[in-house]
Amino acid sequence: FDVGDSDEHINSVNARGVLFAAVQGLSTQLDEKEECIEELEAEAEHKDDRIDDLESRLDRLEAHLDTDAQPAED
């Protein structure tokens, strides 16, 4: 930053400008992180749904196999 006449000091107006720029940068980073979190949450929800579906299918297959494995009653 070019913030004044001195290489060692900055005036209060320039300091506020630097702080404001830093806050803006952090705000942008926060927005990006929140967007990433939302995407990851949606992906996790999709995977949870897929797991539920696969578990249901497995339960049906196991039930079918158990039925087929039962000896016929005479």
PDB file of N, CA and C in Angstrom:
ATOM      1  N   PHE A   1       0.853  -1.187   0.000  1.00  0.00           N
ATOM      2  CA  PHE A   1       0.000   0.000   0.000  1.00  0.00           C
ATOM      3  C   PHE A   1       0.889   1.237   0.000  1.00  0.00           C
ATOM      4  N   ASP A   2       0.527   2.195  -0.768  1.00  0.00           N
ATOM      5  CA  ASP A   2       1.189   3.500  -0.738  1.00  0.00           C
ATOM      6  C   ASP A   2       0.339   4.369   0.177  1.00  0.00           C
ATOM      7  N   VAL A   3       0.761   4.496   1.457  1.00  0.00           N
ATOM      8  CA  VAL A   3      -0.112   5.100   2.457  1.00  0.00           C
ATOM      9  C   VAL A   3       0.509   6.306   3.156  1.00  0.00           C
ATOM     10  N   GLY A   4       1.072   7.189   2.425  1.00  0.00           N
ATOM     11  CA  GLY A   4       1.545   8.423   3.043  1.00  0.00           C
ATOM     12  C   GLY A   4       2.951   8.779   2.621  1.00  0.00           C
ATOM     13  N   ASP A   5       3.463   9.831   3.309  1.00  0.00           N
ATOM     14  CA  ASP A   5       4.773  10.378   2.961  1.00  0.00           C
ATOM     15  C   ASP A   5       5.921   9.617   3.614  1.00  0.00           C
ATOM     16  N   SER A   6       5.647   8.874   4.663  1.00  0.00           N
ATOM     17  CA  SER A   6       6.697   8.200   5.422  1.00  0.00           C
ATOM     18  C   SER A   6       6.682   6.704   5.136  1.00  0.00           C
ATOM     19  N   ASP A   7       7.894   6.132   5.150  1.00  0.00           N
ATOM     20  CA  ASP A   7       8.012   4.678   5.006  1.00  0.00           C
ATOM     21  C   ASP A   7       7.774   3.966   6.335  1.00  0.00           C
ATOM     22  N   GLU A   8       7.739   4.736   7.435  1.00  0.00           N
ATOM     23  CA  GLU A   8       7.636   4.147   8.763  1.00  0.00           C
ATOM     24  C   GLU A   8       6.289   4.375   9.434  1.00  0.00           C
ATOM     25  N   HIS A   9       5.507   5.340   8.971  1.00  0.00           N
ATOM     26  CA  HIS A   9       4.251   5.688   9.629  1.00  0.00           C
ATOM     27  C   HIS A   9       3.156   5.914   8.588  1.00  0.00           C
ATOM     28  N   ILE A  10       1.917   5.726   9.017  1.00  0.00           N
ATOM     29  CA  ILE A  10       0.781   6.095   8.177  1.00  0.00           C
ATOM     30  C   ILE A  10      -0.165   6.935   9.018  1.00  0.00           C
ATOM     31  N   ASN A  11      -0.881   7.839   8.352  1.00  0.00           N
ATOM     32  CA  ASN A  11      -1.813   8.669   9.113  1.00  0.00           C
ATOM     33  C   ASN A  11      -3.108   7.902   9.358  1.00  0.00           C
ATOM     34  N   SER A  12      -3.961   8.433  10.214  1.00  0.00           N
ATOM     35  CA  SER A  12      -5.165   7.710  10.631  1.00  0.00           C
ATOM     36  C   SER A  12      -6.137   7.485   9.485  1.00  0.00           C
ATOM     37  N   VAL A  13      -6.203   8.415   8.537  1.00  0.00           N
ATOM     38  CA  VAL A  13      -7.101   8.237   7.392  1.00  0.00           C
ATOM     39  C   VAL A  13      -6.636   7.054   6.554  1.00  0.00           C
ATOM     40  N   ASN A  14      -5.345   6.983   6.305  1.00  0.00           N
ATOM     41  CA  ASN A  14      -4.811   5.858   5.533  1.00  0.00           C
ATOM     42  C   ASN A  14      -4.937   4.547   6.303  1.00  0.00           C
ATOM     43  N   ALA A  15      -4.770   4.605   7.618  1.00  0.00           N
ATOM     44  CA  ALA A  15      -4.918   3.396   8.432  1.00  0.00           C
ATOM     45  C   ALA A  15      -6.339   2.866   8.326  1.00  0.00           C
ATOM     46  N   ARG A  16      -7.306   3.758   8.355  1.00  0.00           N
ATOM     47  CA  ARG A  16      -8.704   3.333   8.211  1.00  0.00           C
ATOM     48  C   ARG A  16      -8.935   2.704   6.838  1.00  0.00           C
ATOM     49  N   GLY A  17      -8.316   3.272   5.825  1.00  0.00           N
ATOM     50  CA  GLY A  17      -8.448   2.711   4.478  1.00  0.00           C
ATOM     51  C   GLY A  17      -7.873   1.308   4.389  1.00  0.00           C
ATOM     52  N   VAL A  18      -6.719   1.119   5.016  1.00  0.00           N
ATOM     53  CA  VAL A  18      -6.089  -0.202   5.029  1.00  0.00           C
ATOM     54  C   VAL A  18      -6.976  -1.192   5.784  1.00  0.00           C
ATOM     55  N   LEU A  19      -7.497  -0.770   6.926  1.00  0.00           N
ATOM     56  CA  LEU A  19      -8.387  -1.636   7.701  1.00  0.00           C
ATOM     57  C   LEU A  19      -9.647  -1.975   6.920  1.00  0.00           C
ATOM     58  N   PHE A  20     -10.208  -0.985   6.235  1.00  0.00           N
ATOM     59  CA  PHE A  20     -11.413  -1.222   5.437  1.00  0.00           C
ATOM     60  C   PHE A  20     -11.130  -2.230   4.323  1.00  0.00           C
ATOM     61  N   ALA A  21      -9.979  -2.087   3.663  1.00  0.00           N
ATOM     62  CA  ALA A  21      -9.610  -3.030   2.601  1.00  0.00           C
ATOM     63  C   ALA A  21      -9.443  -4.438   3.175  1.00  0.00           C
ATOM     64  N   ALA A  22      -8.862  -4.526   4.367  1.00  0.00           N
ATOM     65  CA  ALA A  22      -8.686  -5.835   5.002  1.00  0.00           C
ATOM     66  C   ALA A  22     -10.036  -6.462   5.333  1.00  0.00           C
ATOM     67  N   VAL A  23     -10.959  -5.654   5.852  1.00  0.00           N
ATOM     68  CA  VAL A  23     -12.297  -6.157   6.177  1.00  0.00           C
ATOM     69  C   VAL A  23     -13.006  -6.625   4.916  1.00  0.00           C
ATOM     70  N   GLN A  24     -12.876  -5.865   3.839  1.00  0.00           N
ATOM     71  CA  GLN A  24     -13.495  -6.278   2.574  1.00  0.00           C
ATOM     72  C   GLN A  24     -12.915  -7.610   2.100  1.00  0.00           C
ATOM     73  N   GLY A  25     -11.602  -7.756   2.213  1.00  0.00           N
ATOM     74  CA  GLY A  25     -10.964  -9.010   1.810  1.00  0.00           C
ATOM     75  C   GLY A  25     -11.446 -10.183   2.646  1.00  0.00           C
ATOM     76  N   LEU A  26     -11.551  -9.972   3.949  1.00  0.00           N
ATOM     77  CA  LEU A  26     -12.045 -11.034   4.827  1.00  0.00           C
ATOM     78  C   LEU A  26     -13.502 -11.365   4.539  1.00  0.00           C
ATOM     79  N   SER A  27     -14.284 -10.355   4.222  1.00  0.00           N
ATOM     80  CA  SER A  27     -15.693 -10.579   3.888  1.00  0.00           C
ATOM     81  C   SER A  27     -15.812 -11.434   2.627  1.00  0.00           C
ATOM     82  N   THR A  28     -14.981 -11.147   1.646  1.00  0.00           N
ATOM     83  CA  THR A  28     -14.982 -11.931   0.412  1.00  0.00           C
ATOM     84  C   THR A  28     -14.589 -13.380   0.700  1.00  0.00           C
ATOM     85  N   GLN A  29     -13.557 -13.560   1.523  1.00  0.00           N
ATOM     86  CA  GLN A  29     -13.139 -14.920   1.880  1.00  0.00           C
ATOM     87  C   GLN A  29     -14.254 -15.661   2.607  1.00  0.00           C
ATOM     88  N   LEU A  30     -14.934 -14.972   3.510  1.00  0.00           N
ATOM     89  CA  LEU A  30     -16.033 -15.585   4.254  1.00  0.00           C
ATOM     90  C   LEU A  30     -17.152 -16.011   3.310  1.00  0.00           C
ATOM     91  N   ASP A  31     -17.496 -15.140   2.357  1.00  0.00           N
ATOM     92  CA  ASP A  31     -18.536 -15.480   1.382  1.00  0.00           C
ATOM     93  C   ASP A  31     -18.157 -16.728   0.591  1.00  0.00           C
ATOM     94  N   GLU A  32     -16.885 -16.808   0.181  1.00  0.00           N
ATOM     95  CA  GLU A  32     -16.424 -17.966  -0.583  1.00  0.00           C
ATOM     96  C   GLU A  32     -16.482 -19.237   0.261  1.00  0.00           C
ATOM     97  N   LYS A  33     -16.088 -19.139   1.523  1.00  0.00           N
ATOM     98  CA  LYS A  33     -16.132 -20.304   2.417  1.00  0.00           C
ATOM     99  C   LYS A  33     -17.573 -20.755   2.645  1.00  0.00           C
ATOM    100  N   GLU A  34     -18.485 -19.793   2.829  1.00  0.00           N
ATOM    101  CA  GLU A  34     -19.893 -20.145   3.035  1.00  0.00           C
ATOM    102  C   GLU A  34     -20.467 -20.846   1.811  1.00  0.00           C
ATOM    103  N   GLU A  35     -20.092 -20.380   0.622  1.00  0.00           N
ATOM    104  CA  GLU A  35     -20.555 -21.024  -0.613  1.00  0.00           C
ATOM    105  C   GLU A  35     -20.007 -22.450  -0.701  1.00  0.00           C
ATOM    106  N   CYS A  36     -18.755 -22.612  -0.347  1.00  0.00           N
ATOM    107  CA  CYS A  36     -18.139 -23.943  -0.365  1.00  0.00           C
ATOM    108  C   CYS A  36     -18.837 -24.871   0.627  1.00  0.00           C
ATOM    109  N   ILE A  37     -19.145 -24.357   1.808  1.00  0.00           N
ATOM    110  CA  ILE A  37     -19.838 -25.153   2.823  1.00  0.00           C
ATOM    111  C   ILE A  37     -21.207 -25.586   2.315  1.00  0.00           C
ATOM    112  N   GLU A  38     -21.937 -24.671   1.675  1.00  0.00           N
ATOM    113  CA  GLU A  38     -23.255 -25.011   1.135  1.00  0.00           C
ATOM    114  C   GLU A  38     -23.148 -26.117   0.093  1.00  0.00           C
ATOM    115  N   GLU A  39     -22.135 -26.032  -0.774  1.00  0.00           N
ATOM    116  CA  GLU A  39     -21.942 -27.063  -1.790  1.00  0.00           C
ATOM    117  C   GLU A  39     -21.614 -28.411  -1.146  1.00  0.00           C
ATOM    118  N   LEU A  40     -20.760 -28.391  -0.131  1.00  0.00           N
ATOM    119  CA  LEU A  40     -20.397 -29.635   0.550  1.00  0.00           C
ATOM    120  C   LEU A  40     -21.586 -30.235   1.300  1.00  0.00           C
ATOM    121  N   GLU A  41     -22.408 -29.375   1.905  1.00  0.00           N
ATOM    122  CA  GLU A  41     -23.602 -29.874   2.594  1.00  0.00           C
ATOM    123  C   GLU A  41     -24.569 -30.519   1.607  1.00  0.00           C
ATOM    124  N   ALA A  42     -24.737 -29.905   0.431  1.00  0.00           N
ATOM    125  CA  ALA A  42     -25.625 -30.478  -0.585  1.00  0.00           C
ATOM    126  C   ALA A  42     -25.077 -31.817  -1.074  1.00  0.00           C
ATOM    127  N   GLU A  43     -23.769 -31.884  -1.258  1.00  0.00           N
ATOM    128  CA  GLU A  43     -23.143 -33.134  -1.695  1.00  0.00           C
ATOM    129  C   GLU A  43     -23.312 -34.222  -0.631  1.00  0.00           C
ATOM    130  N   ALA A  44     -23.131 -33.860   0.626  1.00  0.00           N
ATOM    131  CA  ALA A  44     -23.296 -34.828   1.717  1.00  0.00           C
ATOM    132  C   ALA A  44     -24.737 -35.318   1.787  1.00  0.00           C
ATOM    133  N   GLU A  45     -25.693 -34.413   1.598  1.00  0.00           N
ATOM    134  CA  GLU A  45     -27.103 -34.806   1.617  1.00  0.00           C
ATOM    135  C   GLU A  45     -27.403 -35.780   0.482  1.00  0.00           C
ATOM    136  N   HIS A  46     -26.855 -35.501  -0.702  1.00  0.00           N
ATOM    137  CA  HIS A  46     -27.046 -36.395  -1.844  1.00  0.00           C
ATOM    138  C   HIS A  46     -26.466 -37.781  -1.533  1.00  0.00           C
ATOM    139  N   LYS A  47     -25.289 -37.809  -0.937  1.00  0.00           N
ATOM    140  CA  LYS A  47     -24.669 -39.092  -0.607  1.00  0.00           C
ATOM    141  C   LYS A  47     -25.468 -39.825   0.466  1.00  0.00           C
ATOM    142  N   ASP A  48     -25.990 -39.086   1.441  1.00  0.00           N
ATOM    143  CA  ASP A  48     -26.835 -39.719   2.461  1.00  0.00           C
ATOM    144  C   ASP A  48     -28.070 -40.350   1.827  1.00  0.00           C
ATOM    145  N   ASP A  49     -28.682 -39.632   0.881  1.00  0.00           N
ATOM    146  CA  ASP A  49     -29.851 -40.177   0.183  1.00  0.00           C
ATOM    147  C   ASP A  49     -29.477 -41.441  -0.582  1.00  0.00           C
ATOM    148  N   ARG A  50     -28.321 -41.420  -1.219  1.00  0.00           N
ATOM    149  CA  ARG A  50     -27.859 -42.578  -1.985  1.00  0.00           C
ATOM    150  C   ARG A  50     -27.607 -43.770  -1.054  1.00  0.00           C
ATOM    151  N   ILE A  51     -27.009 -43.504   0.086  1.00  0.00           N
ATOM    152  CA  ILE A  51     -26.764 -44.575   1.062  1.00  0.00           C
ATOM    153  C   ILE A  51     -28.081 -45.167   1.538  1.00  0.00           C
ATOM    154  N   ASP A  52     -29.049 -44.302   1.846  1.00  0.00           N
ATOM    155  CA  ASP A  52     -30.366 -44.790   2.278  1.00  0.00           C
ATOM    156  C   ASP A  52     -30.988 -45.688   1.215  1.00  0.00           C
ATOM    157  N   ASP A  53     -30.889 -45.270  -0.045  1.00  0.00           N
ATOM    158  CA  ASP A  53     -31.439 -46.061  -1.148  1.00  0.00           C
ATOM    159  C   ASP A  53     -30.740 -47.418  -1.247  1.00  0.00           C
ATOM    160  N   LEU A  54     -29.422 -47.410  -1.163  1.00  0.00           N
ATOM    161  CA  LEU A  54     -28.679 -48.665  -1.266  1.00  0.00           C
ATOM    162  C   LEU A  54     -28.958 -49.589  -0.081  1.00  0.00           C
ATOM    163  N   GLU A  55     -29.092 -49.022   1.115  1.00  0.00           N
ATOM    164  CA  GLU A  55     -29.426 -49.849   2.274  1.00  0.00           C
ATOM    165  C   GLU A  55     -30.809 -50.475   2.120  1.00  0.00           C
ATOM    166  N   SER A  56     -31.735 -49.718   1.584  1.00  0.00           N
ATOM    167  CA  SER A  56     -33.084 -50.241   1.360  1.00  0.00           C
ATOM    168  C   SER A  56     -33.054 -51.386   0.347  1.00  0.00           C
ATOM    169  N   ARG A  57     -32.308 -51.193  -0.725  1.00  0.00           N
ATOM    170  CA  ARG A  57     -32.192 -52.244  -1.732  1.00  0.00           C
ATOM    171  C   ARG A  57     -31.541 -53.492  -1.144  1.00  0.00           C
ATOM    172  N   LEU A  58     -30.512 -53.295  -0.336  1.00  0.00           N
ATOM    173  CA  LEU A  58     -29.834 -54.426   0.290  1.00  0.00           C
ATOM    174  C   LEU A  58     -30.778 -55.172   1.228  1.00  0.00           C
ATOM    175  N   ASP A  59     -31.555 -54.436   1.998  1.00  0.00           N
ATOM    176  CA  ASP A  59     -32.528 -55.074   2.894  1.00  0.00           C
ATOM    177  C   ASP A  59     -33.513 -55.931   2.111  1.00  0.00           C
ATOM    178  N   ARG A  60     -34.010 -55.407   0.975  1.00  0.00           N
ATOM    179  CA  ARG A  60     -34.953 -56.173   0.162  1.00  0.00           C
ATOM    180  C   ARG A  60     -34.296 -57.427  -0.409  1.00  0.00           C
ATOM    181  N   LEU A  61     -33.056 -57.303  -0.866  1.00  0.00           N
ATOM    182  CA  LEU A  61     -32.349 -58.468  -1.403  1.00  0.00           C
ATOM    183  C   LEU A  61     -32.106 -59.517  -0.319  1.00  0.00           C
ATOM    184  N   GLU A  62     -31.705 -59.070   0.858  1.00  0.00           N
ATOM    185  CA  GLU A  62     -31.479 -60.014   1.951  1.00  0.00           C
ATOM    186  C   GLU A  62     -32.778 -60.706   2.348  1.00  0.00           C
ATOM    187  N   ALA A  63     -33.866 -59.972   2.385  1.00  0.00           N
ATOM    188  CA  ALA A  63     -35.162 -60.571   2.718  1.00  0.00           C
ATOM    189  C   ALA A  63     -35.550 -61.595   1.662  1.00  0.00           C
ATOM    190  N   HIS A  64     -35.297 -61.270   0.405  1.00  0.00           N
ATOM    191  CA  HIS A  64     -35.604 -62.193  -0.692  1.00  0.00           C
ATOM    192  C   HIS A  64     -34.753 -63.458  -0.577  1.00  0.00           C
ATOM    193  N   LEU A  65     -33.488 -63.304  -0.271  1.00  0.00           N
ATOM    194  CA  LEU A  65     -32.615 -64.464  -0.121  1.00  0.00           C
ATOM    195  C   LEU A  65     -33.030 -65.313   1.072  1.00  0.00           C
ATOM    196  N   ASP A  66     -33.425 -64.675   2.150  1.00  0.00           N
ATOM    197  CA  ASP A  66     -33.890 -65.426   3.322  1.00  0.00           C
ATOM    198  C   ASP A  66     -35.134 -66.235   2.980  1.00  0.00           C
ATOM    199  N   THR A  67     -36.028 -65.660   2.197  1.00  0.00           N
ATOM    200  CA  THR A  67     -37.253 -66.354   1.795  1.00  0.00           C
ATOM    201  C   THR A  67     -36.916 -67.542   0.910  1.00  0.00           C
ATOM    202  N   ASP A  68     -35.982 -67.352  -0.032  1.00  0.00           N
ATOM    203  CA  ASP A  68     -35.587 -68.436  -0.928  1.00  0.00           C
ATOM    204  C   ASP A  68     -34.841 -69.539  -0.187  1.00  0.00           C
ATOM    205  N   ALA A  69     -34.162 -69.217   0.882  1.00  0.00           N
ATOM    206  CA  ALA A  69     -33.366 -70.202   1.616  1.00  0.00           C
ATOM    207  C   ALA A  69     -34.209 -71.032   2.572  1.00  0.00           C
ATOM    208  N   GLN A  70     -35.432 -70.609   2.840  1.00  0.00           N
ATOM    209  CA  GLN A  70     -36.313 -71.357   3.746  1.00  0.00           C
ATOM    210  C   GLN A  70     -36.680 -72.686   3.090  1.00  0.00           C
ATOM    211  N   PRO A  71     -36.583 -73.780   3.838  1.00  0.00           N
ATOM    212  CA  PRO A  71     -36.994 -75.073   3.258  1.00  0.00           C
ATOM    213  C   PRO A  71     -38.510 -75.086   3.062  1.00  0.00           C
ATOM    214  N   ALA A  72     -38.914 -75.738   2.030  1.00  0.00           N
ATOM    215  CA  ALA A  72     -40.350 -75.832   1.735  1.00  0.00           C
ATOM    216  C   ALA A  72     -41.012 -76.701   2.783  1.00  0.00           C
ATOM    217  N   GLU A  73     -42.131 -76.245   3.279  1.00  0.00           N
ATOM    218  CA  GLU A  73     -42.875 -77.017   4.275  1.00  0.00           C
ATOM    219  C   GLU A  73     -43.821 -77.968   3.558  1.00  0.00           C
ATOM    220  N   ASP A  74     -43.830 -79.216   3.988  1.00  0.00           N
ATOM    221  CA  ASP A  74     -44.718 -80.211   3.368  1.00  0.00           C
ATOM    222  C   ASP A  74     -45.956 -80.402   4.181  1.00  0.00           C
TER     223      ASP A  74
END
